[in-house]
């Protein structure tokens, strides 16, 4: 007997939703997080999680929302108040955003160094907005201007 969950040659697996896809109804989200649906509604009211709304007004949670609700639960179980939890989540989002920006800037810096190594005294385009880095290399030693010569 074959396992129906294992893909077979004639079978097409359904697409797996992205972590940001808002697909879980509140009862499923409550079960996945181990929380009561009313707790999830309260967290939505105070802004700890922001589920999407269906046409009928029902809440739809993403996998990312589920993970965030688990983090809220973990922090609350450590004795942190909801306002403190909100601040921690905001700071975690800021850290993640800054890490992405650092990675982006490191890539741009690496490209600038590579261009610098092959192009003497020419502007090096740094980004798509038209900014450029101009590097000048001195071809002869500088004379001392203060000795009067």
C-alpha atoms as a PDB file:
ATOM      1  CA  UNK A   1       0.000   0.000   0.000  1.00  0.00           C
ATOM      2  CA  UNK A   2       1.337   3.444  -0.899  1.00  0.00           C
ATOM      3  CA  UNK A   3       1.321   6.449   1.341  1.00  0.00           C
ATOM      4  CA  UNK A   4      -1.122   9.073  -0.050  1.00  0.00           C
ATOM      5  CA  UNK A   5       1.067  11.873   1.331  1.00  0.00           C
ATOM      6  CA  UNK A   6       4.096  10.816  -0.714  1.00  0.00           C
ATOM      7  CA  UNK A   7       4.039  12.215  -4.222  1.00  0.00           C
ATOM      8  CA  UNK A   8       3.540   9.652  -6.983  1.00  0.00           C
ATOM      9  CA  UNK A   9       4.263  10.110 -10.710  1.00  0.00           C
ATOM     10  CA  UNK A  10       0.643  10.890 -11.637  1.00  0.00           C
ATOM     11  CA  UNK A  11      -0.120  13.070  -8.641  1.00  0.00           C
ATOM     12  CA  UNK A  12       0.187  16.845  -8.429  1.00  0.00           C
ATOM     13  CA  UNK A  13       0.868  18.144  -4.924  1.00  0.00           C
ATOM     14  CA  UNK A  14      -1.037  21.253  -3.880  1.00  0.00           C
ATOM     15  CA  UNK A  15       1.091  24.380  -3.602  1.00  0.00           C
ATOM     16  CA  UNK A  16       2.473  25.118  -0.161  1.00  0.00           C
ATOM     17  CA  UNK A  17       1.505  28.619   0.988  1.00  0.00           C
ATOM     18  CA  UNK A  18       4.253  31.085   1.795  1.00  0.00           C
ATOM     19  CA  UNK A  19       4.866  31.931   5.482  1.00  0.00           C
ATOM     20  CA  UNK A  20       3.196  35.295   4.846  1.00  0.00           C
ATOM     21  CA  UNK A  21       0.036  33.859   3.227  1.00  0.00           C
ATOM     22  CA  UNK A  22      -2.983  34.535   5.452  1.00  0.00           C
ATOM     23  CA  UNK A  23      -4.658  31.126   5.293  1.00  0.00           C
ATOM     24  CA  UNK A  24      -5.413  29.954   8.855  1.00  0.00           C
ATOM     25  CA  UNK A  25      -8.819  30.687  10.388  1.00  0.00           C
ATOM     26  CA  UNK A  26      -8.924  31.682  14.045  1.00  0.00           C
ATOM     27  CA  UNK A  27      -9.848  28.198  15.328  1.00  0.00           C
ATOM     28  CA  UNK A  28      -6.846  26.638  13.540  1.00  0.00           C
ATOM     29  CA  UNK A  29      -4.547  29.452  14.690  1.00  0.00           C
ATOM     30  CA  UNK A  30      -5.767  28.948  18.269  1.00  0.00           C
ATOM     31  CA  UNK A  31      -5.071  25.224  18.070  1.00  0.00           C
ATOM     32  CA  UNK A  32      -1.607  25.738  16.538  1.00  0.00           C
ATOM     33  CA  UNK A  33      -0.626  28.240  19.232  1.00  0.00           C
ATOM     34  CA  UNK A  34      -2.304  26.517  22.182  1.00  0.00           C
ATOM     35  CA  UNK A  35      -4.309  29.672  22.933  1.00  0.00           C
ATOM     36  CA  UNK A  36      -8.019  30.336  23.218  1.00  0.00           C
ATOM     37  CA  UNK A  37      -9.615  32.099  20.222  1.00  0.00           C
ATOM     38  CA  UNK A  38     -10.725  34.921  22.530  1.00  0.00           C
ATOM     39  CA  UNK A  39      -7.074  35.495  23.500  1.00  0.00           C
ATOM     40  CA  UNK A  40      -6.188  35.809  19.804  1.00  0.00           C
ATOM     41  CA  UNK A  41      -9.000  38.334  19.340  1.00  0.00           C
ATOM     42  CA  UNK A  42      -7.657  40.331  22.278  1.00  0.00           C
ATOM     43  CA  UNK A  43      -4.128  40.311  20.867  1.00  0.00           C
ATOM     44  CA  UNK A  44      -5.551  41.518  17.552  1.00  0.00           C
ATOM     45  CA  UNK A  45      -7.423  44.334  19.342  1.00  0.00           C
ATOM     46  CA  UNK A  46      -4.280  45.605  21.074  1.00  0.00           C
ATOM     47  CA  UNK A  47      -2.124  45.178  17.954  1.00  0.00           C
ATOM     48  CA  UNK A  48       0.233  42.357  18.976  1.00  0.00           C
ATOM     49  CA  UNK A  49      -0.709  40.504  15.799  1.00  0.00           C
ATOM     50  CA  UNK A  50      -2.433  41.779  12.672  1.00  0.00           C
ATOM     51  CA  UNK A  51      -4.363  39.032  10.881  1.00  0.00           C
ATOM     52  CA  UNK A  52      -5.956  39.725   7.510  1.00  0.00           C
ATOM     53  CA  UNK A  53      -9.734  39.775   7.156  1.00  0.00           C
ATOM     54  CA  UNK A  54     -11.783  37.600   4.855  1.00  0.00           C
ATOM     55  CA  UNK A  55     -14.665  39.012   2.819  1.00  0.00           C
ATOM     56  CA  UNK A  56     -17.018  37.971   5.618  1.00  0.00           C
ATOM     57  CA  UNK A  57     -14.849  39.677   8.256  1.00  0.00           C
ATOM     58  CA  UNK A  58     -13.221  36.558   9.714  1.00  0.00           C
ATOM     59  CA  UNK A  59      -9.612  36.704  10.787  1.00  0.00           C
ATOM     60  CA  UNK A  60      -6.995  34.931   8.649  1.00  0.00           C
ATOM     61  CA  UNK A  61      -3.576  34.214  10.145  1.00  0.00           C
ATOM     62  CA  UNK A  62      -0.298  33.448   8.366  1.00  0.00           C
ATOM     63  CA  UNK A  63       2.397  31.034   9.539  1.00  0.00           C
ATOM     64  CA  UNK A  64       4.416  34.120  10.476  1.00  0.00           C
ATOM     65  CA  UNK A  65       1.463  35.279  12.647  1.00  0.00           C
ATOM     66  CA  UNK A  66       1.358  31.833  14.298  1.00  0.00           C
ATOM     67  CA  UNK A  67       5.080  32.057  15.115  1.00  0.00           C
ATOM     68  CA  UNK A  68       4.619  35.570  16.482  1.00  0.00           C
ATOM     69  CA  UNK A  69       1.721  34.426  18.679  1.00  0.00           C
ATOM     70  CA  UNK A  70       3.911  31.628  20.043  1.00  0.00           C
ATOM     71  CA  UNK A  71       6.583  34.211  20.863  1.00  0.00           C
ATOM     72  CA  UNK A  72       3.956  36.384  22.615  1.00  0.00           C
ATOM     73  CA  UNK A  73       2.913  33.357  24.662  1.00  0.00           C
ATOM     74  CA  UNK A  74       6.519  32.497  25.541  1.00  0.00           C
ATOM     75  CA  UNK A  75       7.295  36.060  26.656  1.00  0.00           C
ATOM     76  CA  UNK A  76       4.054  36.364  28.633  1.00  0.00           C
ATOM     77  CA  UNK A  77       4.846  33.070  30.392  1.00  0.00           C
ATOM     78  CA  UNK A  78       8.171  34.601  31.453  1.00  0.00           C
ATOM     79  CA  UNK A  79       6.204  37.291  33.279  1.00  0.00           C
ATOM     80  CA  UNK A  80       6.568  40.109  30.735  1.00  0.00           C
ATOM     81  CA  UNK A  81       3.535  42.373  30.425  1.00  0.00           C
ATOM     82  CA  UNK A  82       1.783  42.834  27.089  1.00  0.00           C
ATOM     83  CA  UNK A  83       3.219  46.313  26.571  1.00  0.00           C
ATOM     84  CA  UNK A  84       6.693  44.909  27.183  1.00  0.00           C
ATOM     85  CA  UNK A  85       5.955  42.083  24.746  1.00  0.00           C
ATOM     86  CA  UNK A  86       4.878  44.628  22.129  1.00  0.00           C
ATOM     87  CA  UNK A  87       8.111  46.578  22.607  1.00  0.00           C
ATOM     88  CA  UNK A  88      10.232  43.422  22.364  1.00  0.00           C
ATOM     89  CA  UNK A  89       8.479  42.387  19.131  1.00  0.00           C
ATOM     90  CA  UNK A  90       8.974  45.877  17.662  1.00  0.00           C
ATOM     91  CA  UNK A  91      12.669  45.778  18.551  1.00  0.00           C
ATOM     92  CA  UNK A  92      13.047  42.299  17.048  1.00  0.00           C
ATOM     93  CA  UNK A  93      11.498  43.597  13.803  1.00  0.00           C
ATOM     94  CA  UNK A  94      13.887  46.569  13.810  1.00  0.00           C
ATOM     95  CA  UNK A  95      16.892  44.287  14.371  1.00  0.00           C
ATOM     96  CA  UNK A  96      15.824  42.048  11.483  1.00  0.00           C
ATOM     97  CA  UNK A  97      15.379  45.061   9.208  1.00  0.00           C
ATOM     98  CA  UNK A  98      18.780  46.459  10.187  1.00  0.00           C
ATOM     99  CA  UNK A  99      20.451  43.097   9.583  1.00  0.00           C
ATOM    100  CA  UNK A 100      18.983  42.994   6.084  1.00  0.00           C
ATOM    101  CA  UNK A 101      20.237  46.533   5.436  1.00  0.00           C
ATOM    102  CA  UNK A 102      23.738  45.660   6.696  1.00  0.00           C
ATOM    103  CA  UNK A 103      23.823  42.673   4.334  1.00  0.00           C
ATOM    104  CA  UNK A 104      22.739  44.923   1.467  1.00  0.00           C
ATOM    105  CA  UNK A 105      25.400  47.523   2.299  1.00  0.00           C
ATOM    106  CA  UNK A 106      28.092  44.851   2.609  1.00  0.00           C
ATOM    107  CA  UNK A 107      27.232  43.708  -0.907  1.00  0.00           C
ATOM    108  CA  UNK A 108      27.456  47.266  -2.233  1.00  0.00           C
ATOM    109  CA  UNK A 109      30.776  47.789  -0.450  1.00  0.00           C
ATOM    110  CA  UNK A 110      32.162  44.561  -1.885  1.00  0.00           C
ATOM    111  CA  UNK A 111      31.126  45.669  -5.380  1.00  0.00           C
ATOM    112  CA  UNK A 112      32.767  49.074  -4.826  1.00  0.00           C
ATOM    113  CA  UNK A 113      36.022  47.438  -3.678  1.00  0.00           C
ATOM    114  CA  UNK A 114      36.003  45.116  -6.674  1.00  0.00           C
ATOM    115  CA  UNK A 115      35.431  48.036  -9.044  1.00  0.00           C
ATOM    116  CA  UNK A 116      38.114  50.071  -7.282  1.00  0.00           C
ATOM    117  CA  UNK A 117      40.654  47.320  -7.830  1.00  0.00           C
ATOM    118  CA  UNK A 118      40.141  47.395 -11.589  1.00  0.00           C
ATOM    119  CA  UNK A 119      39.360  51.057 -12.324  1.00  0.00           C
ATOM    120  CA  UNK A 120      41.888  53.769 -11.363  1.00  0.00           C
ATOM    121  CA  UNK A 121      40.607  57.338 -10.813  1.00  0.00           C
ATOM    122  CA  UNK A 122      37.159  56.882 -12.296  1.00  0.00           C
ATOM    123  CA  UNK A 123      33.729  57.274 -10.699  1.00  0.00           C
ATOM    124  CA  UNK A 124      32.379  53.949  -9.515  1.00  0.00           C
ATOM    125  CA  UNK A 125      28.569  53.592  -9.649  1.00  0.00           C
ATOM    126  CA  UNK A 126      27.425  52.479  -6.212  1.00  0.00           C
ATOM    127  CA  UNK A 127      23.672  52.128  -6.634  1.00  0.00           C
ATOM    128  CA  UNK A 128      20.832  52.489  -9.122  1.00  0.00           C
ATOM    129  CA  UNK A 129      19.888  55.992  -7.913  1.00  0.00           C
ATOM    130  CA  UNK A 130      22.883  57.533  -9.689  1.00  0.00           C
ATOM    131  CA  UNK A 131      25.129  57.944  -6.669  1.00  0.00           C
ATOM    132  CA  UNK A 132      28.772  57.300  -7.392  1.00  0.00           C
ATOM    133  CA  UNK A 133      31.932  56.916  -5.385  1.00  0.00           C
ATOM    134  CA  UNK A 134      34.908  58.778  -6.861  1.00  0.00           C
ATOM    135  CA  UNK A 135      38.289  57.416  -5.873  1.00  0.00           C
ATOM    136  CA  UNK A 136      41.435  59.374  -6.629  1.00  0.00           C
ATOM    137  CA  UNK A 137      44.811  57.783  -6.278  1.00  0.00           C
ATOM    138  CA  UNK A 138      47.790  60.015  -5.917  1.00  0.00           C
ATOM    139  CA  UNK A 139      50.314  59.247  -8.661  1.00  0.00           C
ATOM    140  CA  UNK A 140      53.247  61.139  -7.130  1.00  0.00           C
ATOM    141  CA  UNK A 141      54.218  62.001  -3.551  1.00  0.00           C
ATOM    142  CA  UNK A 142      52.854  65.210  -2.118  1.00  0.00           C
ATOM    143  CA  UNK A 143      55.350  68.020  -1.462  1.00  0.00           C
ATOM    144  CA  UNK A 144      55.330  69.836   1.825  1.00  0.00           C
ATOM    145  CA  UNK A 145      53.638  73.217   1.295  1.00  0.00           C
ATOM    146  CA  UNK A 146      54.774  74.724   4.613  1.00  0.00           C
ATOM    147  CA  UNK A 147      58.558  74.726   4.021  1.00  0.00           C
ATOM    148  CA  UNK A 148      58.381  77.622   1.537  1.00  0.00           C
ATOM    149  CA  UNK A 149      59.803  75.761  -1.486  1.00  0.00           C
END
